[in-house]
C-alpha atoms as a PDB file:
ATOM      1  CA  MET A   1     -18.326  -0.829  -3.857  1.00  0.00           C
ATOM      2  CA  LYS A   2     -16.437   1.654  -1.653  1.00  0.00           C
ATOM      3  CA  ILE A   3     -12.746   2.390  -1.180  1.00  0.00           C
ATOM      4  CA  THR A   4     -11.503   4.279   1.888  1.00  0.00           C
ATOM      5  CA  TRP A   5      -7.923   5.462   2.252  1.00  0.00           C
ATOM      6  CA  PHE A   6      -6.614   5.944   5.809  1.00  0.00           C
ATOM      7  CA  GLY A   7      -3.270   7.475   4.897  1.00  0.00           C
ATOM      8  CA  THR A   8       0.024   5.810   3.900  1.00  0.00           C
ATOM      9  CA  ALA A   9      -0.916   2.638   1.947  1.00  0.00           C
ATOM     10  CA  SER A  10      -3.849   1.716   4.199  1.00  0.00           C
ATOM     11  CA  ILE A  11      -6.865   0.906   2.028  1.00  0.00           C
ATOM     12  CA  LEU A  12     -10.286  -0.467   3.000  1.00  0.00           C
ATOM     13  CA  LEU A  13     -12.410  -2.164   0.350  1.00  0.00           C
ATOM     14  CA  GLU A  14     -16.119  -2.698   1.039  1.00  0.00           C
ATOM     15  CA  SER A  15     -18.333  -4.801  -1.209  1.00  0.00           C
ATOM     16  CA  GLU A  16     -21.759  -6.315  -0.573  1.00  0.00           C
ATOM     17  CA  GLY A  17     -21.342  -6.255   3.194  1.00  0.00           C
ATOM     18  CA  GLU A  18     -17.798  -7.646   3.186  1.00  0.00           C
ATOM     19  CA  LYS A  19     -14.707  -5.671   4.150  1.00  0.00           C
ATOM     20  CA  LEU A  20     -11.049  -6.181   3.345  1.00  0.00           C
ATOM     21  CA  LEU A  21      -8.181  -4.070   4.679  1.00  0.00           C
ATOM     22  CA  PHE A  22      -4.755  -3.614   3.098  1.00  0.00           C
ATOM     23  CA  ASP A  23      -1.517  -2.571   4.827  1.00  0.00           C
ATOM     24  CA  PRO A  24      -2.870  -0.877   7.999  1.00  0.00           C
ATOM     25  CA  PHE A  25      -0.399   1.613   9.459  1.00  0.00           C
ATOM     26  CA  VAL A  26      -0.613   4.267  12.181  1.00  0.00           C
ATOM     27  CA  GLN A  27       1.303   7.344  11.105  1.00  0.00           C
ATOM     28  CA  LEU A  28       4.240   8.508  13.178  1.00  0.00           C
ATOM     29  CA  ALA A  29       4.372  11.836  15.033  1.00  0.00           C
ATOM     30  CA  GLY A  30       4.152  14.668  12.521  1.00  0.00           C
ATOM     31  CA  GLY A  31       2.434  12.548   9.872  1.00  0.00           C
ATOM     32  CA  SER A  32       0.203  14.499   7.529  1.00  0.00           C
ATOM     33  CA  ASN A  33      -2.819  12.237   8.163  1.00  0.00           C
ATOM     34  CA  PRO A  34      -2.664  11.329  11.883  1.00  0.00           C
ATOM     35  CA  ASN A  35      -4.687   8.248  12.763  1.00  0.00           C
ATOM     36  CA  SER A  36      -4.958   5.465  15.331  1.00  0.00           C
ATOM     37  CA  LEU A  37      -5.680   1.746  15.450  1.00  0.00           C
ATOM     38  CA  GLU A  38      -9.287   2.563  16.318  1.00  0.00           C
ATOM     39  CA  ASP A  39      -9.765   4.076  12.851  1.00  0.00           C
ATOM     40  CA  PHE A  40      -9.514   0.640  11.240  1.00  0.00           C
ATOM     41  CA  PRO A  41     -12.725  -1.440  11.232  1.00  0.00           C
ATOM     42  CA  ALA A  42     -12.812  -4.310  13.710  1.00  0.00           C
ATOM     43  CA  ASP A  43     -12.653  -7.987  12.739  1.00  0.00           C
ATOM     44  CA  THR A  44     -11.747  -7.260   9.113  1.00  0.00           C
ATOM     45  CA  ASP A  45      -9.433  -9.601   7.227  1.00  0.00           C
ATOM     46  CA  ILE A  46      -6.165  -8.039   6.103  1.00  0.00           C
ATOM     47  CA  CYS A  47      -3.900  -8.401   3.064  1.00  0.00           C
ATOM     48  CA  ILE A  48      -0.278  -7.269   3.261  1.00  0.00           C
ATOM     49  CA  THR A  49       1.630  -6.251   0.128  1.00  0.00           C
ATOM     50  CA  HIS A  50       5.117  -6.509   1.653  1.00  0.00           C
ATOM     51  CA  GLY A  51       6.991  -6.581   4.924  1.00  0.00           C
ATOM     52  CA  HIS A  52       8.320  -3.039   5.310  1.00  0.00           C
ATOM     53  CA  VAL A  53       7.645  -1.259   8.577  1.00  0.00           C
ATOM     54  CA  ASP A  54       5.114   1.186   7.075  1.00  0.00           C
ATOM     55  CA  HIS A  55       2.975  -1.742   5.905  1.00  0.00           C
ATOM     56  CA  LEU A  56       3.338  -4.253   8.728  1.00  0.00           C
ATOM     57  CA  PHE A  57       4.475  -2.767  12.035  1.00  0.00           C
ATOM     58  CA  PHE A  58       1.076  -2.294  13.704  1.00  0.00           C
ATOM     59  CA  LEU A  59      -0.405  -5.598  12.597  1.00  0.00           C
ATOM     60  CA  PRO A  60       0.596  -7.463  15.811  1.00  0.00           C
ATOM     61  CA  ASP A  61      -1.425  -4.901  17.801  1.00  0.00           C
ATOM     62  CA  LEU A  62      -4.485  -5.536  15.631  1.00  0.00           C
ATOM     63  CA  LEU A  63      -4.057  -9.300  15.908  1.00  0.00           C
ATOM     64  CA  ALA A  64      -3.875  -9.078  19.689  1.00  0.00           C
ATOM     65  CA  GLU A  65      -7.270  -7.395  19.909  1.00  0.00           C
ATOM     66  CA  GLN A  66      -9.301  -8.784  16.993  1.00  0.00           C
ATOM     67  CA  ASP A  67     -10.388 -12.037  15.380  1.00  0.00           C
ATOM     68  CA  ILE A  68      -8.917 -11.548  11.912  1.00  0.00           C
ATOM     69  CA  THR A  69      -7.142 -13.496   9.188  1.00  0.00           C
ATOM     70  CA  VAL A  70      -3.985 -12.054   7.655  1.00  0.00           C
ATOM     71  CA  TYR A  71      -2.741 -12.938   4.173  1.00  0.00           C
ATOM     72  CA  GLY A  72       0.821 -12.354   3.026  1.00  0.00           C
ATOM     73  CA  THR A  73       3.972 -13.875   1.606  1.00  0.00           C
ATOM     74  CA  LYS A  74       6.505 -16.034   3.427  1.00  0.00           C
ATOM     75  CA  ALA A  75       8.638 -12.985   4.224  1.00  0.00           C
ATOM     76  CA  VAL A  76       5.654 -11.316   5.889  1.00  0.00           C
ATOM     77  CA  MET A  77       4.801 -14.445   7.856  1.00  0.00           C
ATOM     78  CA  ASP A  78       8.400 -14.959   8.966  1.00  0.00           C
ATOM     79  CA  THR A  79       8.434 -11.437  10.380  1.00  0.00           C
ATOM     80  CA  LEU A  80       5.051 -11.764  12.094  1.00  0.00           C
ATOM     81  CA  GLU A  81       5.950 -15.065  13.722  1.00  0.00           C
ATOM     82  CA  GLY A  82       8.600 -13.214  15.686  1.00  0.00           C
ATOM     83  CA  TRP A  83       6.063 -10.686  16.967  1.00  0.00           C
ATOM     84  CA  VAL A  84       2.800 -12.549  17.625  1.00  0.00           C
ATOM     85  CA  GLU A  85       2.060 -15.410  20.001  1.00  0.00           C
ATOM     86  CA  GLU A  86      -0.847 -16.990  18.109  1.00  0.00           C
ATOM     87  CA  THR A  87      -0.065 -17.694  14.459  1.00  0.00           C
ATOM     88  CA  GLY A  88      -3.208 -19.655  13.567  1.00  0.00           C
ATOM     89  CA  SER A  89      -4.758 -16.622  11.864  1.00  0.00           C
ATOM     90  CA  LEU A  90      -1.779 -16.115   9.528  1.00  0.00           C
ATOM     91  CA  VAL A  91      -2.254 -17.444   5.993  1.00  0.00           C
ATOM     92  CA  GLN A  92       0.848 -17.689   3.840  1.00  0.00           C
ATOM     93  CA  ALA A  93       0.176 -17.246   0.141  1.00  0.00           C
ATOM     94  CA  GLU A  94       2.252 -16.877  -2.995  1.00  0.00           C
ATOM     95  CA  PRO A  95       1.692 -15.193  -6.351  1.00  0.00           C
ATOM     96  CA  GLY A  96      -0.985 -17.036  -8.316  1.00  0.00           C
ATOM     97  CA  CYS A  97      -3.029 -17.988  -5.233  1.00  0.00           C
ATOM     98  CA  SER A  98      -6.700 -16.951  -5.114  1.00  0.00           C
ATOM     99  CA  TRP A  99      -9.321 -17.050  -2.365  1.00  0.00           C
ATOM    100  CA  HIS A 100     -12.779 -15.656  -1.652  1.00  0.00           C
ATOM    101  CA  ILE A 101     -14.138 -13.393   1.060  1.00  0.00           C
ATOM    102  CA  GLY A 102     -17.870 -13.415   0.517  1.00  0.00           C
ATOM    103  CA  ASN A 103     -18.385 -12.600  -3.161  1.00  0.00           C
ATOM    104  CA  MET A 104     -14.960 -10.968  -3.453  1.00  0.00           C
ATOM    105  CA  LYS A 105     -12.269 -12.949  -5.236  1.00  0.00           C
ATOM    106  CA  ILE A 106      -8.733 -11.963  -4.269  1.00  0.00           C
ATOM    107  CA  THR A 107      -5.721 -13.014  -6.323  1.00  0.00           C
ATOM    108  CA  MET A 108      -2.136 -12.412  -5.266  1.00  0.00           C
ATOM    109  CA  LEU A 109       0.221 -11.354  -8.071  1.00  0.00           C
ATOM    110  CA  LYS A 110       3.969 -10.971  -8.011  1.00  0.00           C
ATOM    111  CA  GLY A 111       4.967  -7.332  -7.687  1.00  0.00           C
ATOM    112  CA  GLN A 112       8.148  -5.325  -7.525  1.00  0.00           C
ATOM    113  CA  HIS A 113       9.322  -2.823  -4.954  1.00  0.00           C
ATOM    114  CA  THR A 114      10.598   0.480  -6.273  1.00  0.00           C
ATOM    115  CA  ARG A 115      14.364   0.845  -6.096  1.00  0.00           C
ATOM    116  CA  PHE A 116      15.709   3.857  -4.239  1.00  0.00           C
ATOM    117  CA  THR A 117      18.491   5.691  -6.035  1.00  0.00           C
ATOM    118  CA  ALA A 118      21.704   6.685  -4.276  1.00  0.00           C
ATOM    119  CA  ARG A 119      20.758  10.320  -4.862  1.00  0.00           C
ATOM    120  CA  MET A 120      17.425   9.847  -3.109  1.00  0.00           C
ATOM    121  CA  VAL A 121      19.024   8.079  -0.135  1.00  0.00           C
ATOM    122  CA  LEU A 122      21.644  10.809   0.192  1.00  0.00           C
ATOM    123  CA  ARG A 123      18.971  13.500   0.075  1.00  0.00           C
ATOM    124  CA  LYS A 124      17.189  11.795   2.972  1.00  0.00           C
ATOM    125  CA  LEU A 125      20.382  11.423   5.008  1.00  0.00           C
ATOM    126  CA  ILE A 126      21.319  15.100   4.813  1.00  0.00           C
ATOM    127  CA  ASN A 127      17.794  16.364   5.378  1.00  0.00           C
ATOM    128  CA  PRO A 128      17.546  18.682   8.421  1.00  0.00           C
ATOM    129  CA  ARG A 129      14.226  16.999   9.247  1.00  0.00           C
ATOM    130  CA  LEU A 130      16.265  14.120  10.653  1.00  0.00           C
ATOM    131  CA  PHE A 131      16.833  16.286  13.723  1.00  0.00           C
ATOM    132  CA  ARG A 132      13.349  17.800  13.782  1.00  0.00           C
ATOM    133  CA  TYR A 133      11.849  14.294  13.930  1.00  0.00           C
ATOM    134  CA  PHE A 134      14.698  12.731  15.873  1.00  0.00           C
ATOM    135  CA  ARG A 135      12.518  10.214  17.746  1.00  0.00           C
ATOM    136  CA  ASN A 136      11.042   9.011  14.473  1.00  0.00           C
ATOM    137  CA  THR A 137      14.546   8.756  13.045  1.00  0.00           C
ATOM    138  CA  LEU A 138      15.663   6.530  15.913  1.00  0.00           C
ATOM    139  CA  PHE A 139      12.532   4.377  15.624  1.00  0.00           C
ATOM    140  CA  LEU A 140      12.886   3.904  11.863  1.00  0.00           C
ATOM    141  CA  ALA A 141      16.591   3.103  12.171  1.00  0.00           C
ATOM    142  CA  TRP A 142      15.691   0.408  14.717  1.00  0.00           C
ATOM    143  CA  ALA A 143      12.616  -0.955  12.898  1.00  0.00           C
ATOM    144  CA  HIS A 144      13.747  -0.993   9.275  1.00  0.00           C
ATOM    145  CA  PRO A 145      16.082  -4.020   9.524  1.00  0.00           C
ATOM    146  CA  LYS A 146      13.496  -5.901  11.585  1.00  0.00           C
ATOM    147  CA  PHE A 147      10.849  -5.544   8.856  1.00  0.00           C
ATOM    148  CA  PRO A 148      12.540  -6.648   5.612  1.00  0.00           C
ATOM    149  CA  GLU A 149      10.863  -6.841   2.217  1.00  0.00           C
ATOM    150  CA  LYS A 150      13.117  -9.707   0.994  1.00  0.00           C
ATOM    151  CA  GLY A 151      12.114  -9.202  -2.629  1.00  0.00           C
ATOM    152  CA  GLU A 152       8.534 -10.271  -1.921  1.00  0.00           C
ATOM    153  CA  THR A 153       6.373  -7.286  -2.772  1.00  0.00           C
ATOM    154  CA  VAL A 154       3.032  -8.352  -4.236  1.00  0.00           C
ATOM    155  CA  ALA A 155      -0.018  -6.831  -5.894  1.00  0.00           C
ATOM    156  CA  TYR A 156      -3.623  -7.870  -5.361  1.00  0.00           C
ATOM    157  CA  GLN A 157      -6.339  -8.287  -7.970  1.00  0.00           C
ATOM    158  CA  ILE A 158      -9.824  -8.000  -6.510  1.00  0.00           C
ATOM    159  CA  ASP A 159     -12.899  -9.063  -8.501  1.00  0.00           C
ATOM    160  CA  ALA A 160     -16.249  -8.033  -7.038  1.00  0.00           C
ATOM    161  CA  GLU A 161     -19.617  -6.746  -8.232  1.00  0.00           C
ATOM    162  CA  GLY A 162     -18.586  -7.297 -11.836  1.00  0.00           C
ATOM    163  CA  LYS A 163     -15.600  -4.958 -11.436  1.00  0.00           C
ATOM    164  CA  ARG A 164     -11.867  -5.505 -11.236  1.00  0.00           C
ATOM    165  CA  ILE A 165      -9.415  -3.630  -9.021  1.00  0.00           C
ATOM    166  CA  LEU A 166      -5.631  -3.892  -9.096  1.00  0.00           C
ATOM    167  CA  LEU A 167      -3.813  -2.733  -5.960  1.00  0.00           C
ATOM    168  CA  LEU A 168      -0.037  -2.354  -6.247  1.00  0.00           C
ATOM    169  CA  GLY A 169       2.249  -2.655  -3.234  1.00  0.00           C
ATOM    170  CA  SER A 170       4.845  -0.246  -4.641  1.00  0.00           C
ATOM    171  CA  MET A 171       5.387   1.956  -7.687  1.00  0.00           C
ATOM    172  CA  ALA A 172       6.878  -0.766  -9.890  1.00  0.00           C
ATOM    173  CA  LEU A 173       5.805  -3.795 -11.909  1.00  0.00           C
ATOM    174  CA  ASP A 174       7.436  -7.203 -12.149  1.00  0.00           C
ATOM    175  CA  LYS A 175       8.721  -7.637 -15.705  1.00  0.00           C
ATOM    176  CA  ASN A 176       7.808 -11.330 -15.825  1.00  0.00           C
ATOM    177  CA  THR A 177       4.235 -10.983 -14.581  1.00  0.00           C
ATOM    178  CA  ILE A 178       1.189 -10.495 -16.788  1.00  0.00           C
ATOM    179  CA  TYR A 179      -1.071  -8.001 -15.050  1.00  0.00           C
ATOM    180  CA  PRO A 180      -4.728  -7.416 -15.900  1.00  0.00           C
ATOM    181  CA  THR A 181      -5.246  -4.428 -18.185  1.00  0.00           C
ATOM    182  CA  ASN A 182      -8.197  -2.053 -18.454  1.00  0.00           C
ATOM    183  CA  VAL A 183      -9.092  -2.626 -14.805  1.00  0.00           C
ATOM    184  CA  ASP A 184     -11.898  -0.524 -13.384  1.00  0.00           C
ATOM    185  CA  LEU A 185      -9.556   0.886 -10.741  1.00  0.00           C
ATOM    186  CA  LEU A 186      -5.778   0.907 -10.297  1.00  0.00           C
ATOM    187  CA  ILE A 187      -4.618   1.735  -6.764  1.00  0.00           C
ATOM    188  CA  LEU A 188      -1.180   3.227  -7.277  1.00  0.00           C
ATOM    189  CA  PRO A 189       1.375   4.036  -4.544  1.00  0.00           C
ATOM    190  CA  PHE A 190       2.846   7.470  -5.303  1.00  0.00           C
ATOM    191  CA  GLN A 191       6.094   7.514  -3.335  1.00  0.00           C
ATOM    192  CA  GLY A 192       9.684   6.351  -3.694  1.00  0.00           C
ATOM    193  CA  ARG A 193      10.864   7.554  -7.102  1.00  0.00           C
ATOM    194  CA  GLU A 194      12.830  10.610  -8.203  1.00  0.00           C
ATOM    195  CA  ASN A 195      10.493  11.476 -11.080  1.00  0.00           C
ATOM    196  CA  MET A 196       7.163  10.289  -9.781  1.00  0.00           C
ATOM    197  CA  ALA A 197       5.041  11.452 -12.717  1.00  0.00           C
ATOM    198  CA  GLU A 198       7.264   9.751 -15.282  1.00  0.00           C
ATOM    199  CA  ALA A 199       7.444   6.493 -13.314  1.00  0.00           C
ATOM    200  CA  ALA A 200       3.690   6.427 -12.788  1.00  0.00           C
ATOM    201  CA  MET A 201       3.025   7.135 -16.457  1.00  0.00           C
ATOM    202  CA  GLU A 202       5.090   4.092 -17.460  1.00  0.00           C
ATOM    203  CA  ILE A 203       2.794   1.926 -15.337  1.00  0.00           C
ATOM    204  CA  VAL A 204      -0.335   3.566 -16.719  1.00  0.00           C
ATOM    205  CA  ASP A 205       0.857   3.120 -20.312  1.00  0.00           C
ATOM    206  CA  GLU A 206       1.271  -0.603 -19.673  1.00  0.00           C
ATOM    207  CA  LEU A 207      -1.887  -1.274 -17.669  1.00  0.00           C
ATOM    208  CA  LYS A 208      -4.298   1.257 -19.235  1.00  0.00           C
ATOM    209  CA  PRO A 209      -6.685   1.391 -16.257  1.00  0.00           C
ATOM    210  CA  ARG A 210     -10.039   3.116 -16.512  1.00  0.00           C
ATOM    211  CA  ARG A 211      -9.533   4.975 -13.245  1.00  0.00           C
ATOM    212  CA  ILE A 212      -6.643   5.562 -10.839  1.00  0.00           C
ATOM    213  CA  LEU A 213      -6.701   6.092  -7.083  1.00  0.00           C
ATOM    214  CA  LEU A 214      -3.421   7.318  -5.610  1.00  0.00           C
ATOM    215  CA  ASP A 215      -2.152   6.338  -2.179  1.00  0.00           C
ATOM    216  CA  HIS A 216       1.103   6.537  -0.189  1.00  0.00           C
ATOM    217  CA  PHE A 217       1.650  10.126  -1.416  1.00  0.00           C
ATOM    218  CA  ASP A 218       1.532  11.611   2.075  1.00  0.00           C
ATOM    219  CA  ASP A 219       4.170  12.359   4.712  1.00  0.00           C
ATOM    220  CA  ALA A 220       3.283   9.383   6.909  1.00  0.00           C
ATOM    221  CA  PHE A 221       6.556   8.687   8.676  1.00  0.00           C
ATOM    222  CA  PRO A 222       8.721  11.808   8.687  1.00  0.00           C
ATOM    223  CA  PRO A 223      11.570  12.396   8.137  1.00  0.00           C
ATOM    224  CA  VAL A 224      11.893   9.535   5.620  1.00  0.00           C
ATOM    225  CA  SER A 225       8.583  10.130   3.846  1.00  0.00           C
ATOM    226  CA  GLU A 226       7.360  13.369   2.296  1.00  0.00           C
ATOM    227  CA  ASP A 227       4.225  14.918   0.847  1.00  0.00           C
ATOM    228  CA  VAL A 228       4.408  14.319  -2.897  1.00  0.00           C
ATOM    229  CA  ASP A 229       3.035  16.801  -5.405  1.00  0.00           C
ATOM    230  CA  THR A 230       0.609  14.783  -7.557  1.00  0.00           C
ATOM    231  CA  ARG A 231      -0.289  17.666  -9.889  1.00  0.00           C
ATOM    232  CA  PRO A 232       2.411  16.982 -12.531  1.00  0.00           C
ATOM    233  CA  PHE A 233       1.084  13.439 -12.894  1.00  0.00           C
ATOM    234  CA  LYS A 234      -2.511  14.618 -13.147  1.00  0.00           C
ATOM    235  CA  ARG A 235      -1.541  17.117 -15.847  1.00  0.00           C
ATOM    236  CA  ALA A 236       0.370  14.444 -17.763  1.00  0.00           C
ATOM    237  CA  ILE A 237      -2.604  12.082 -17.613  1.00  0.00           C
ATOM    238  CA  ALA A 238      -4.987  14.814 -18.773  1.00  0.00           C
ATOM    239  CA  LEU A 239      -2.806  15.371 -21.843  1.00  0.00           C
ATOM    240  CA  LYS A 240      -1.981  11.779 -22.762  1.00  0.00           C
ATOM    241  CA  HIS A 241      -4.917   9.806 -21.368  1.00  0.00           C
ATOM    242  CA  PRO A 242      -7.823  12.241 -20.918  1.00  0.00           C
ATOM    243  CA  GLU A 243     -10.211   9.290 -20.635  1.00  0.00           C
ATOM    244  CA  ILE A 244      -8.571   8.175 -17.357  1.00  0.00           C
ATOM    245  CA  LYS A 245      -9.706   9.859 -14.152  1.00  0.00           C
ATOM    246  CA  VAL A 246      -7.122  10.263 -11.376  1.00  0.00           C
ATOM    247  CA  VAL A 247      -8.439  10.440  -7.813  1.00  0.00           C
ATOM    248  CA  LYS A 248      -6.364  11.811  -4.948  1.00  0.00           C
ATOM    249  CA  PRO A 249      -8.440  10.694  -1.943  1.00  0.00           C
ATOM    250  CA  ARG A 250      -8.889  12.422   1.378  1.00  0.00           C
ATOM    251  CA  ALA A 251      -8.049  10.333   4.406  1.00  0.00           C
ATOM    252  CA  GLY A 252     -11.131   8.648   5.858  1.00  0.00           C
ATOM    253  CA  LYS A 253     -13.457   9.734   3.033  1.00  0.00           C
ATOM    254  CA  PRO A 254     -14.952   6.816   1.040  1.00  0.00           C
ATOM    255  CA  VAL A 255     -14.747   6.813  -2.746  1.00  0.00           C
ATOM    256  CA  ALA A 256     -17.382   4.968  -4.787  1.00  0.00           C
ATOM    257  CA  VAL A 257     -16.166   2.593  -7.500  1.00  0.00           C
END
């Protein structure tokens, strides 16, 4: 089984000849891992974790050119129906639903989006990068209200080749959901909290995965995003959970699971 990260939260899972893509996004000007729609494999089914612009915006372009099926919540489908002409390839799902793609079993679980603190929002608003990336700022100000999350962030559990992967849509867990523990791989978004290492460790303490692959740690849509230093988290894991390996992938480079 192979996992390829394309920057932001874009993840490709390959297993026994089948492919599944999560949250494809083309980074904005100045992004630390520049990419294009052509980097994503053609005719690959897609799962969306939530409806924010950095997870959903470029999906209509992919749907216009490819024969693919897209899975997501009602909030995701409501947004897409305003942007695509043909909705027959959109599959609305809800937490608890499962389906198969080849030998892969995919289960949608209720997730939780991280909550931005007032301090974090203020720090973004007074950042001089707002003027350096002024076109991005205008685009994000226009796009953000058009791509709402509506409290419908989800996680995906993928069972394939005798292994279990848990992919989170944001750095938070739903308090009323029972997540699988001791998974072979936890895909963990590393963005959106003041103390990233502490927040991530809380999730690790609860889920106790065997291995962690970080994503969403890069500066994908400046000036709102930023490159996050993952070293404090790696050091904390090495001290508290030395048995858990943390992988910080390189964009476009497959990782074997």
